[in-house]
């Protein structure tokens, strides 16, 4: 499955449009991670715990998007858009949307 943010894939013309597909995931960080992130905010540095959660959420959303596209008979998703939202104090929602196509 080819996943891309571009509207076309070089050398692979779109043969058929299958429709809009999406994938969403919501992940939460636990209180220990929140505490450690607060400490890093005060003293500087990157929050590895939150970066790992963000990466996991993004990968899950893209995986869900690819599965939905596969069910439609697509072999690629073009024009992917990723959106990130914070829900409450420690929940992160990642949404991936794109157009499923056959190339």
PDB file of N, CA and C in Angstrom:
ATOM      1  N   UNK A   1       0.854  -1.180   0.000  1.00  0.00           N
ATOM      2  CA  UNK A   1       0.000   0.000   0.000  1.00  0.00           C
ATOM      3  C   UNK A   1       0.894   1.236   0.000  1.00  0.00           C
ATOM      4  N   UNK A   2       0.672   2.105  -0.969  1.00  0.00           N
ATOM      5  CA  UNK A   2       1.406   3.363  -1.048  1.00  0.00           C
ATOM      6  C   UNK A   2       0.596   4.431  -0.318  1.00  0.00           C
ATOM      7  N   UNK A   3       1.232   5.122   0.601  1.00  0.00           N
ATOM      8  CA  UNK A   3       0.593   6.215   1.334  1.00  0.00           C
ATOM      9  C   UNK A   3       1.388   7.480   1.070  1.00  0.00           C
ATOM     10  N   UNK A   4       0.700   8.552   0.624  1.00  0.00           N
ATOM     11  CA  UNK A   4       1.405   9.787   0.318  1.00  0.00           C
ATOM     12  C   UNK A   4       0.533  11.012   0.576  1.00  0.00           C
ATOM     13  N   UNK A   5       1.188  12.107   0.910  1.00  0.00           N
ATOM     14  CA  UNK A   5       0.475  13.367   1.113  1.00  0.00           C
ATOM     15  C   UNK A   5       0.278  14.111  -0.212  1.00  0.00           C
ATOM     16  N   UNK A   6       0.928  13.660  -1.257  1.00  0.00           N
ATOM     17  CA  UNK A   6       0.805  14.319  -2.560  1.00  0.00           C
ATOM     18  C   UNK A   6      -0.478  13.883  -3.265  1.00  0.00           C
ATOM     19  N   UNK A   7      -0.872  14.651  -4.281  1.00  0.00           N
ATOM     20  CA  UNK A   7      -2.107  14.341  -4.998  1.00  0.00           C
ATOM     21  C   UNK A   7      -1.910  13.350  -6.133  1.00  0.00           C
ATOM     22  N   UNK A   8      -0.673  12.972  -6.388  1.00  0.00           N
ATOM     23  CA  UNK A   8      -0.371  11.979  -7.420  1.00  0.00           C
ATOM     24  C   UNK A   8       0.921  11.267  -7.061  1.00  0.00           C
ATOM     25  N   UNK A   9       1.163  10.153  -7.733  1.00  0.00           N
ATOM     26  CA  UNK A   9       2.376   9.368  -7.504  1.00  0.00           C
ATOM     27  C   UNK A   9       3.133   9.332  -8.826  1.00  0.00           C
ATOM     28  N   UNK A  10       4.353   9.854  -8.832  1.00  0.00           N
ATOM     29  CA  UNK A  10       5.145   9.900 -10.059  1.00  0.00           C
ATOM     30  C   UNK A  10       5.251   8.519 -10.694  1.00  0.00           C
ATOM     31  N   UNK A  11       4.950   8.463 -11.990  1.00  0.00           N
ATOM     32  CA  UNK A  11       5.080   7.220 -12.740  1.00  0.00           C
ATOM     33  C   UNK A  11       3.964   6.216 -12.501  1.00  0.00           C
ATOM     34  N   UNK A  12       2.977   6.574 -11.694  1.00  0.00           N
ATOM     35  CA  UNK A  12       1.872   5.662 -11.404  1.00  0.00           C
ATOM     36  C   UNK A  12       0.554   6.439 -11.519  1.00  0.00           C
ATOM     37  N   UNK A  13       0.010   6.526 -12.716  1.00  0.00           N
ATOM     38  CA  UNK A  13      -1.235   7.287 -12.878  1.00  0.00           C
ATOM     39  C   UNK A  13      -2.404   6.601 -12.164  1.00  0.00           C
ATOM     40  N   UNK A  14      -3.320   7.425 -11.679  1.00  0.00           N
ATOM     41  CA  UNK A  14      -4.514   6.901 -10.998  1.00  0.00           C
ATOM     42  C   UNK A  14      -5.420   6.252 -12.039  1.00  0.00           C
ATOM     43  N   UNK A  15      -5.771   4.995 -11.812  1.00  0.00           N
ATOM     44  CA  UNK A  15      -6.670   4.258 -12.703  1.00  0.00           C
ATOM     45  C   UNK A  15      -8.120   4.378 -12.247  1.00  0.00           C
ATOM     46  N   UNK A  16      -8.296   4.417 -10.905  1.00  0.00           N
ATOM     47  CA  UNK A  16      -9.649   4.439 -10.363  1.00  0.00           C
ATOM     48  C   UNK A  16      -9.639   5.073  -8.971  1.00  0.00           C
ATOM     49  N   UNK A  17     -10.604   5.947  -8.746  1.00  0.00           N
ATOM     50  CA  UNK A  17     -10.782   6.546  -7.428  1.00  0.00           C
ATOM     51  C   UNK A  17     -11.774   5.696  -6.652  1.00  0.00           C
ATOM     52  N   UNK A  18     -11.419   5.327  -5.429  1.00  0.00           N
ATOM     53  CA  UNK A  18     -12.264   4.461  -4.613  1.00  0.00           C
ATOM     54  C   UNK A  18     -13.042   5.227  -3.551  1.00  0.00           C
ATOM     55  N   UNK A  19     -12.620   6.436  -3.225  1.00  0.00           N
ATOM     56  CA  UNK A  19     -13.337   7.240  -2.241  1.00  0.00           C
ATOM     57  C   UNK A  19     -12.447   7.725  -1.108  1.00  0.00           C
ATOM     58  N   UNK A  20     -13.039   8.549  -0.257  1.00  0.00           N
ATOM     59  CA  UNK A  20     -12.326   9.106   0.893  1.00  0.00           C
ATOM     60  C   UNK A  20     -12.261   8.054   1.999  1.00  0.00           C
ATOM     61  N   UNK A  21     -11.080   7.923   2.589  1.00  0.00           N
ATOM     62  CA  UNK A  21     -10.884   6.991   3.701  1.00  0.00           C
ATOM     63  C   UNK A  21     -10.287   7.756   4.876  1.00  0.00           C
ATOM     64  N   UNK A  22     -10.456   7.193   6.049  1.00  0.00           N
ATOM     65  CA  UNK A  22      -9.928   7.867   7.235  1.00  0.00           C
ATOM     66  C   UNK A  22      -9.514   6.841   8.284  1.00  0.00           C
ATOM     67  N   UNK A  23      -8.698   7.306   9.190  1.00  0.00           N
ATOM     68  CA  UNK A  23      -8.286   6.507  10.337  1.00  0.00           C
ATOM     69  C   UNK A  23      -8.143   7.441  11.522  1.00  0.00           C
ATOM     70  N   UNK A  24      -8.659   7.020  12.656  1.00  0.00           N
ATOM     71  CA  UNK A  24      -8.550   7.841  13.864  1.00  0.00           C
ATOM     72  C   UNK A  24      -8.036   6.992  15.008  1.00  0.00           C
ATOM     73  N   UNK A  25      -7.339   7.636  15.881  1.00  0.00           N
ATOM     74  CA  UNK A  25      -6.906   6.975  17.098  1.00  0.00           C
ATOM     75  C   UNK A  25      -6.824   8.007  18.213  1.00  0.00           C
ATOM     76  N   UNK A  26      -7.138   7.556  19.403  1.00  0.00           N
ATOM     77  CA  UNK A  26      -7.024   8.402  20.590  1.00  0.00           C
ATOM     78  C   UNK A  26      -6.151   7.656  21.582  1.00  0.00           C
ATOM     79  N   UNK A  27      -5.101   8.307  22.030  1.00  0.00           N
ATOM     80  CA  UNK A  27      -4.206   7.695  23.010  1.00  0.00           C
ATOM     81  C   UNK A  27      -4.094   8.619  24.212  1.00  0.00           C
ATOM     82  N   UNK A  28      -3.832   8.031  25.339  1.00  0.00           N
ATOM     83  CA  UNK A  28      -3.664   8.805  26.563  1.00  0.00           C
ATOM     84  C   UNK A  28      -2.300   8.568  27.151  1.00  0.00           C
ATOM     85  N   UNK A  29      -1.823   9.548  27.829  1.00  0.00           N
ATOM     86  CA  UNK A  29      -0.550   9.418  28.540  1.00  0.00           C
ATOM     87  C   UNK A  29      -0.877   9.263  30.020  1.00  0.00           C
ATOM     88  N   UNK A  30      -0.150   8.411  30.688  1.00  0.00           N
ATOM     89  CA  UNK A  30      -0.451   8.194  32.108  1.00  0.00           C
ATOM     90  C   UNK A  30       0.147   9.291  32.985  1.00  0.00           C
ATOM     91  N   UNK A  31      -0.220   9.290  34.231  1.00  0.00           N
ATOM     92  CA  UNK A  31       0.184  10.357  35.162  1.00  0.00           C
ATOM     93  C   UNK A  31       1.708  10.425  35.335  1.00  0.00           C
ATOM     94  N   UNK A  32       2.409   9.272  35.297  1.00  0.00           N
ATOM     95  CA  UNK A  32       3.865   9.283  35.435  1.00  0.00           C
ATOM     96  C   UNK A  32       4.504  10.015  34.256  1.00  0.00           C
ATOM     97  N   UNK A  33       4.019   9.722  33.051  1.00  0.00           N
ATOM     98  CA  UNK A  33       4.545  10.407  31.871  1.00  0.00           C
ATOM     99  C   UNK A  33       4.255  11.903  31.955  1.00  0.00           C
ATOM    100  N   UNK A  34       3.039  12.262  32.419  1.00  0.00           N
ATOM    101  CA  UNK A  34       2.689  13.678  32.566  1.00  0.00           C
ATOM    102  C   UNK A  34       3.645  14.379  33.527  1.00  0.00           C
ATOM    103  N   UNK A  35       3.940  13.741  34.641  1.00  0.00           N
ATOM    104  CA  UNK A  35       4.839  14.311  35.643  1.00  0.00           C
ATOM    105  C   UNK A  35       6.233  14.509  35.064  1.00  0.00           C
ATOM    106  N   UNK A  36       6.739  13.493  34.364  1.00  0.00           N
ATOM    107  CA  UNK A  36       8.080  13.597  33.782  1.00  0.00           C
ATOM    108  C   UNK A  36       8.120  14.675  32.694  1.00  0.00           C
ATOM    109  N   UNK A  37       7.046  14.804  31.920  1.00  0.00           N
ATOM    110  CA  UNK A  37       7.001  15.846  30.887  1.00  0.00           C
ATOM    111  C   UNK A  37       7.012  17.223  31.527  1.00  0.00           C
ATOM    112  N   UNK A  38       6.320  17.377  32.651  1.00  0.00           N
ATOM    113  CA  UNK A  38       6.308  18.658  33.361  1.00  0.00           C
ATOM    114  C   UNK A  38       7.701  19.016  33.844  1.00  0.00           C
ATOM    115  N   UNK A  39       8.426  18.038  34.343  1.00  0.00           N
ATOM    116  CA  UNK A  39       9.799  18.270  34.805  1.00  0.00           C
ATOM    117  C   UNK A  39      10.667  18.707  33.630  1.00  0.00           C
ATOM    118  N   UNK A  40      10.513  18.054  32.493  1.00  0.00           N
ATOM    119  CA  UNK A  40      11.303  18.428  31.318  1.00  0.00           C
ATOM    120  C   UNK A  40      10.957  19.838  30.860  1.00  0.00           C
ATOM    121  N   UNK A  41       9.658  20.209  30.955  1.00  0.00           N
ATOM    122  CA  UNK A  41       9.254  21.558  30.554  1.00  0.00           C
ATOM    123  C   UNK A  41       9.968  22.612  31.404  1.00  0.00           C
ATOM    124  N   UNK A  42      10.125  22.340  32.689  1.00  0.00           N
ATOM    125  CA  UNK A  42      10.775  23.283  33.601  1.00  0.00           C
ATOM    126  C   UNK A  42      12.269  23.369  33.315  1.00  0.00           C
ATOM    127  N   UNK A  43      12.916  22.227  33.128  1.00  0.00           N
ATOM    128  CA  UNK A  43      14.368  22.194  32.961  1.00  0.00           C
ATOM    129  C   UNK A  43      14.814  22.157  31.502  1.00  0.00           C
ATOM    130  N   UNK A  44      13.885  22.061  30.594  1.00  0.00           N
ATOM    131  CA  UNK A  44      14.235  22.004  29.173  1.00  0.00           C
ATOM    132  C   UNK A  44      14.423  20.565  28.711  1.00  0.00           C
ATOM    133  N   UNK A  45      14.535  20.406  27.431  1.00  0.00           N
ATOM    134  CA  UNK A  45      14.727  19.075  26.862  1.00  0.00           C
ATOM    135  C   UNK A  45      13.454  18.570  26.203  1.00  0.00           C
ATOM    136  N   UNK A  46      13.594  17.458  25.534  1.00  0.00           N
ATOM    137  CA  UNK A  46      12.481  16.869  24.807  1.00  0.00           C
ATOM    138  C   UNK A  46      11.775  15.849  25.681  1.00  0.00           C
ATOM    139  N   UNK A  47      10.490  15.697  25.458  1.00  0.00           N
ATOM    140  CA  UNK A  47       9.705  14.713  26.192  1.00  0.00           C
ATOM    141  C   UNK A  47       9.605  13.443  25.363  1.00  0.00           C
ATOM    142  N   UNK A  48      10.506  12.528  25.623  1.00  0.00           N
ATOM    143  CA  UNK A  48      10.539  11.263  24.889  1.00  0.00           C
ATOM    144  C   UNK A  48       9.262  10.463  25.043  1.00  0.00           C
ATOM    145  N   UNK A  49       8.646  10.520  26.222  1.00  0.00           N
ATOM    146  CA  UNK A  49       7.410   9.775  26.465  1.00  0.00           C
ATOM    147  C   UNK A  49       6.293  10.278  25.557  1.00  0.00           C
ATOM    148  N   UNK A  50       6.142  11.595  25.461  1.00  0.00           N
ATOM    149  CA  UNK A  50       5.095  12.143  24.604  1.00  0.00           C
ATOM    150  C   UNK A  50       5.416  11.954  23.132  1.00  0.00           C
ATOM    151  N   UNK A  51       6.676  12.056  22.775  1.00  0.00           N
ATOM    152  CA  UNK A  51       7.054  11.818  21.384  1.00  0.00           C
ATOM    153  C   UNK A  51       6.727  10.389  20.971  1.00  0.00           C
ATOM    154  N   UNK A  52       6.962   9.440  21.852  1.00  0.00           N
ATOM    155  CA  UNK A  52       6.648   8.041  21.570  1.00  0.00           C
ATOM    156  C   UNK A  52       5.142   7.848  21.420  1.00  0.00           C
ATOM    157  N   UNK A  53       4.349   8.488  22.288  1.00  0.00           N
ATOM    158  CA  UNK A  53       2.889   8.388  22.199  1.00  0.00           C
ATOM    159  C   UNK A  53       2.381   8.997  20.901  1.00  0.00           C
ATOM    160  N   UNK A  54       2.944  10.138  20.521  1.00  0.00           N
ATOM    161  CA  UNK A  54       2.549  10.803  19.286  1.00  0.00           C
ATOM    162  C   UNK A  54       2.861   9.932  18.076  1.00  0.00           C
ATOM    163  N   UNK A  55       4.039   9.338  18.057  1.00  0.00           N
ATOM    164  CA  UNK A  55       4.435   8.461  16.956  1.00  0.00           C
ATOM    165  C   UNK A  55       3.504   7.253  16.882  1.00  0.00           C
ATOM    166  N   UNK A  56       3.205   6.655  18.032  1.00  0.00           N
ATOM    167  CA  UNK A  56       2.309   5.496  18.079  1.00  0.00           C
ATOM    168  C   UNK A  56       0.928   5.866  17.545  1.00  0.00           C
ATOM    169  N   UNK A  57       0.404   7.006  17.956  1.00  0.00           N
ATOM    170  CA  UNK A  57      -0.914   7.449  17.507  1.00  0.00           C
ATOM    171  C   UNK A  57      -0.935   7.683  15.999  1.00  0.00           C
ATOM    172  N   UNK A  58       0.099   8.321  15.472  1.00  0.00           N
ATOM    173  CA  UNK A  58       0.178   8.577  14.033  1.00  0.00           C
ATOM    174  C   UNK A  58       0.235   7.274  13.248  1.00  0.00           C
ATOM    175  N   UNK A  59       1.059   6.331  13.701  1.00  0.00           N
ATOM    176  CA  UNK A  59       1.181   5.048  13.012  1.00  0.00           C
ATOM    177  C   UNK A  59      -0.132   4.265  13.043  1.00  0.00           C
ATOM    178  N   UNK A  60      -0.844   4.302  14.169  1.00  0.00           N
ATOM    179  CA  UNK A  60      -2.136   3.619  14.267  1.00  0.00           C
ATOM    180  C   UNK A  60      -3.166   4.238  13.329  1.00  0.00           C
ATOM    181  N   UNK A  61      -3.221   5.559  13.269  1.00  0.00           N
ATOM    182  CA  UNK A  61      -4.173   6.230  12.386  1.00  0.00           C
ATOM    183  C   UNK A  61      -3.889   5.900  10.920  1.00  0.00           C
ATOM    184  N   UNK A  62      -2.618   5.917  10.531  1.00  0.00           N
ATOM    185  CA  UNK A  62      -2.262   5.583   9.144  1.00  0.00           C
ATOM    186  C   UNK A  62      -2.530   4.120   8.827  1.00  0.00           C
ATOM    187  N   UNK A  63      -2.308   3.249   9.786  1.00  0.00           N
ATOM    188  CA  UNK A  63      -2.592   1.829   9.596  1.00  0.00           C
ATOM    189  C   UNK A  63      -4.087   1.592   9.389  1.00  0.00           C
ATOM    190  N   UNK A  64      -4.903   2.269  10.188  1.00  0.00           N
ATOM    191  CA  UNK A  64      -6.353   2.160  10.058  1.00  0.00           C
ATOM    192  C   UNK A  64      -6.812   2.700   8.702  1.00  0.00           C
ATOM    193  N   UNK A  65      -6.224   3.806   8.267  1.00  0.00           N
ATOM    194  CA  UNK A  65      -6.533   4.392   6.966  1.00  0.00           C
ATOM    195  C   UNK A  65      -6.208   3.405   5.848  1.00  0.00           C
ATOM    196  N   UNK A  66      -5.038   2.777   5.921  1.00  0.00           N
ATOM    197  CA  UNK A  66      -4.615   1.818   4.896  1.00  0.00           C
ATOM    198  C   UNK A  66      -5.540   0.599   4.866  1.00  0.00           C
ATOM    199  N   UNK A  67      -5.970   0.129   6.027  1.00  0.00           N
ATOM    200  CA  UNK A  67      -6.882  -1.020   6.085  1.00  0.00           C
ATOM    201  C   UNK A  67      -8.219  -0.686   5.434  1.00  0.00           C
ATOM    202  N   UNK A  68      -8.737   0.508   5.694  1.00  0.00           N
ATOM    203  CA  UNK A  68     -10.009   0.921   5.088  1.00  0.00           C
ATOM    204  C   UNK A  68      -9.859   1.001   3.572  1.00  0.00           C
ATOM    205  N   UNK A  69      -8.732   1.530   3.095  1.00  0.00           N
ATOM    206  CA  UNK A  69      -8.485   1.629   1.652  1.00  0.00           C
ATOM    207  C   UNK A  69      -8.395   0.242   1.025  1.00  0.00           C
ATOM    208  N   UNK A  70      -7.724  -0.665   1.702  1.00  0.00           N
ATOM    209  CA  UNK A  70      -7.575  -2.035   1.199  1.00  0.00           C
ATOM    210  C   UNK A  70      -8.946  -2.700   1.033  1.00  0.00           C
ATOM    211  N   UNK A  71      -9.852  -2.469   1.981  1.00  0.00           N
ATOM    212  CA  UNK A  71     -11.203  -3.041   1.907  1.00  0.00           C
ATOM    213  C   UNK A  71     -11.966  -2.536   0.685  1.00  0.00           C
ATOM    214  N   UNK A  72     -11.616  -1.343   0.214  1.00  0.00           N
ATOM    215  CA  UNK A  72     -12.262  -0.781  -0.974  1.00  0.00           C
ATOM    216  C   UNK A  72     -11.600  -1.249  -2.274  1.00  0.00           C
ATOM    217  N   UNK A  73     -10.523  -2.017  -2.158  1.00  0.00           N
ATOM    218  CA  UNK A  73      -9.815  -2.493  -3.340  1.00  0.00           C
ATOM    219  C   UNK A  73      -8.737  -1.548  -3.835  1.00  0.00           C
ATOM    220  N   UNK A  74      -8.338  -0.605  -3.017  1.00  0.00           N
ATOM    221  CA  UNK A  74      -7.305   0.364  -3.397  1.00  0.00           C
ATOM    222  C   UNK A  74      -5.915  -0.206  -3.104  1.00  0.00           C
ATOM    223  N   UNK A  75      -4.931   0.308  -3.832  1.00  0.00           N
ATOM    224  CA  UNK A  75      -3.547  -0.069  -3.541  1.00  0.00           C
ATOM    225  C   UNK A  75      -2.698   1.150  -3.187  1.00  0.00           C
ATOM    226  N   UNK A  76      -3.371   2.302  -3.011  1.00  0.00           N
ATOM    227  CA  UNK A  76      -2.677   3.528  -2.612  1.00  0.00           C
ATOM    228  C   UNK A  76      -3.684   4.496  -1.997  1.00  0.00           C
ATOM    229  N   UNK A  77      -3.159   5.403  -1.186  1.00  0.00           N
ATOM    230  CA  UNK A  77      -3.957   6.509  -0.653  1.00  0.00           C
ATOM    231  C   UNK A  77      -3.164   7.777  -0.928  1.00  0.00           C
ATOM    232  N   UNK A  78      -3.807   8.716  -1.615  1.00  0.00           N
ATOM    233  CA  UNK A  78      -3.147   9.975  -1.958  1.00  0.00           C
ATOM    234  C   UNK A  78      -3.794  11.126  -1.185  1.00  0.00           C
ATOM    235  N   UNK A  79      -3.087  12.253  -1.131  1.00  0.00           N
ATOM    236  CA  UNK A  79      -3.624  13.452  -0.494  1.00  0.00           C
ATOM    237  C   UNK A  79      -3.877  13.293   0.993  1.00  0.00           C
ATOM    238  N   UNK A  80      -3.039  12.531   1.664  1.00  0.00           N
ATOM    239  CA  UNK A  80      -3.250  12.284   3.091  1.00  0.00           C
ATOM    240  C   UNK A  80      -3.024  13.563   3.894  1.00  0.00           C
ATOM    241  N   UNK A  81      -3.961  13.798   4.815  1.00  0.00           N
ATOM    242  CA  UNK A  81      -3.876  14.929   5.732  1.00  0.00           C
ATOM    243  C   UNK A  81      -3.902  14.376   7.149  1.00  0.00           C
ATOM    244  N   UNK A  82      -2.977  14.801   7.972  1.00  0.00           N
ATOM    245  CA  UNK A  82      -2.925  14.380   9.370  1.00  0.00           C
ATOM    246  C   UNK A  82      -3.320  15.555  10.254  1.00  0.00           C
ATOM    247  N   UNK A  83      -4.242  15.304  11.167  1.00  0.00           N
ATOM    248  CA  UNK A  83      -4.672  16.318  12.121  1.00  0.00           C
ATOM    249  C   UNK A  83      -4.440  15.803  13.534  1.00  0.00           C
ATOM    250  N   UNK A  84      -4.021  16.705  14.400  1.00  0.00           N
ATOM    251  CA  UNK A  84      -3.743  16.370  15.798  1.00  0.00           C
ATOM    252  C   UNK A  84      -4.592  17.256  16.697  1.00  0.00           C
ATOM    253  N   UNK A  85      -5.227  16.658  17.682  1.00  0.00           N
ATOM    254  CA  UNK A  85      -6.041  17.417  18.637  1.00  0.00           C
ATOM    255  C   UNK A  85      -5.774  16.899  20.040  1.00  0.00           C
ATOM    256  N   UNK A  86      -5.777  17.791  21.000  1.00  0.00           N
ATOM    257  CA  UNK A  86      -5.672  17.405  22.406  1.00  0.00           C
ATOM    258  C   UNK A  86      -7.082  17.383  22.977  1.00  0.00           C
ATOM    259  N   UNK A  87      -7.414  16.291  23.635  1.00  0.00           N
ATOM    260  CA  UNK A  87      -8.732  16.139  24.249  1.00  0.00           C
ATOM    261  C   UNK A  87      -8.523  16.069  25.755  1.00  0.00           C
ATOM    262  N   UNK A  88      -9.172  16.969  26.476  1.00  0.00           N
ATOM    263  CA  UNK A  88      -8.994  16.986  27.926  1.00  0.00           C
ATOM    264  C   UNK A  88      -7.570  17.368  28.286  1.00  0.00           C
ATOM    265  N   UNK A  89      -7.077  16.780  29.370  1.00  0.00           N
ATOM    266  CA  UNK A  89      -5.736  17.107  29.867  1.00  0.00           C
ATOM    267  C   UNK A  89      -4.637  16.245  29.258  1.00  0.00           C
ATOM    268  N   UNK A  90      -4.948  14.978  28.940  1.00  0.00           N
ATOM    269  CA  UNK A  90      -3.848  14.102  28.528  1.00  0.00           C
ATOM    270  C   UNK A  90      -4.239  13.090  27.458  1.00  0.00           C
ATOM    271  N   UNK A  91      -5.256  13.401  26.670  1.00  0.00           N
ATOM    272  CA  UNK A  91      -5.640  12.519  25.569  1.00  0.00           C
ATOM    273  C   UNK A  91      -5.245  13.189  24.257  1.00  0.00           C
ATOM    274  N   UNK A  92      -4.727  12.399  23.338  1.00  0.00           N
ATOM    275  CA  UNK A  92      -4.306  12.906  22.041  1.00  0.00           C
ATOM    276  C   UNK A  92      -5.063  12.158  20.959  1.00  0.00           C
ATOM    277  N   UNK A  93      -5.708  12.912  20.053  1.00  0.00           N
ATOM    278  CA  UNK A  93      -6.408  12.304  18.930  1.00  0.00           C
ATOM    279  C   UNK A  93      -5.658  12.642  17.649  1.00  0.00           C
ATOM    280  N   UNK A  94      -5.412  11.612  16.849  1.00  0.00           N
ATOM    281  CA  UNK A  94      -4.783  11.803  15.545  1.00  0.00           C
ATOM    282  C   UNK A  94      -5.755  11.265  14.500  1.00  0.00           C
ATOM    283  N   UNK A  95      -6.032  12.100  13.499  1.00  0.00           N
ATOM    284  CA  UNK A  95      -6.922  11.707  12.404  1.00  0.00           C
ATOM    285  C   UNK A  95      -6.148  11.781  11.098  1.00  0.00           C
ATOM    286  N   UNK A  96      -6.244  10.716  10.306  1.00  0.00           N
ATOM    287  CA  UNK A  96      -5.631  10.674   8.980  1.00  0.00           C
ATOM    288  C   UNK A  96      -6.753  10.522   7.961  1.00  0.00           C
ATOM    289  N   UNK A  97      -6.756  11.388   6.941  1.00  0.00           N
ATOM    290  CA  UNK A  97      -7.776  11.347   5.896  1.00  0.00           C
ATOM    291  C   UNK A  97      -7.076  11.405   4.549  1.00  0.00           C
ATOM    292  N   UNK A  98      -7.596  10.664   3.578  1.00  0.00           N
ATOM    293  CA  UNK A  98      -7.018  10.678   2.245  1.00  0.00           C
ATOM    294  C   UNK A  98      -7.967  10.086   1.228  1.00  0.00           C
ATOM    295  N   UNK A  99      -7.534  10.007  -0.027  1.00  0.00           N
ATOM    296  CA  UNK A  99      -8.335   9.448  -1.097  1.00  0.00           C
ATOM    297  C   UNK A  99      -7.754   8.095  -1.506  1.00  0.00           C
ATOM    298  N   UNK A 100      -8.575   7.061  -1.378  1.00  0.00           N
ATOM    299  CA  UNK A 100      -8.150   5.710  -1.766  1.00  0.00           C
ATOM    300  C   UNK A 100      -8.230   5.607  -3.294  1.00  0.00           C
ATOM    301  N   UNK A 101      -7.170   5.082  -3.903  1.00  0.00           N
ATOM    302  CA  UNK A 101      -7.117   4.958  -5.361  1.00  0.00           C
ATOM    303  C   UNK A 101      -6.490   3.626  -5.759  1.00  0.00           C
ATOM    304  N   UNK A 102      -6.701   3.262  -7.007  1.00  0.00           N
ATOM    305  CA  UNK A 102      -5.987   2.136  -7.613  1.00  0.00           C
ATOM    306  C   UNK A 102      -5.071   2.733  -8.656  1.00  0.00           C
ATOM    307  N   UNK A 103      -3.755   2.465  -8.523  1.00  0.00           N
ATOM    308  CA  UNK A 103      -2.772   2.982  -9.481  1.00  0.00           C
ATOM    309  C   UNK A 103      -2.221   1.828 -10.287  1.00  0.00           C
TER     310      UNK A 103
END
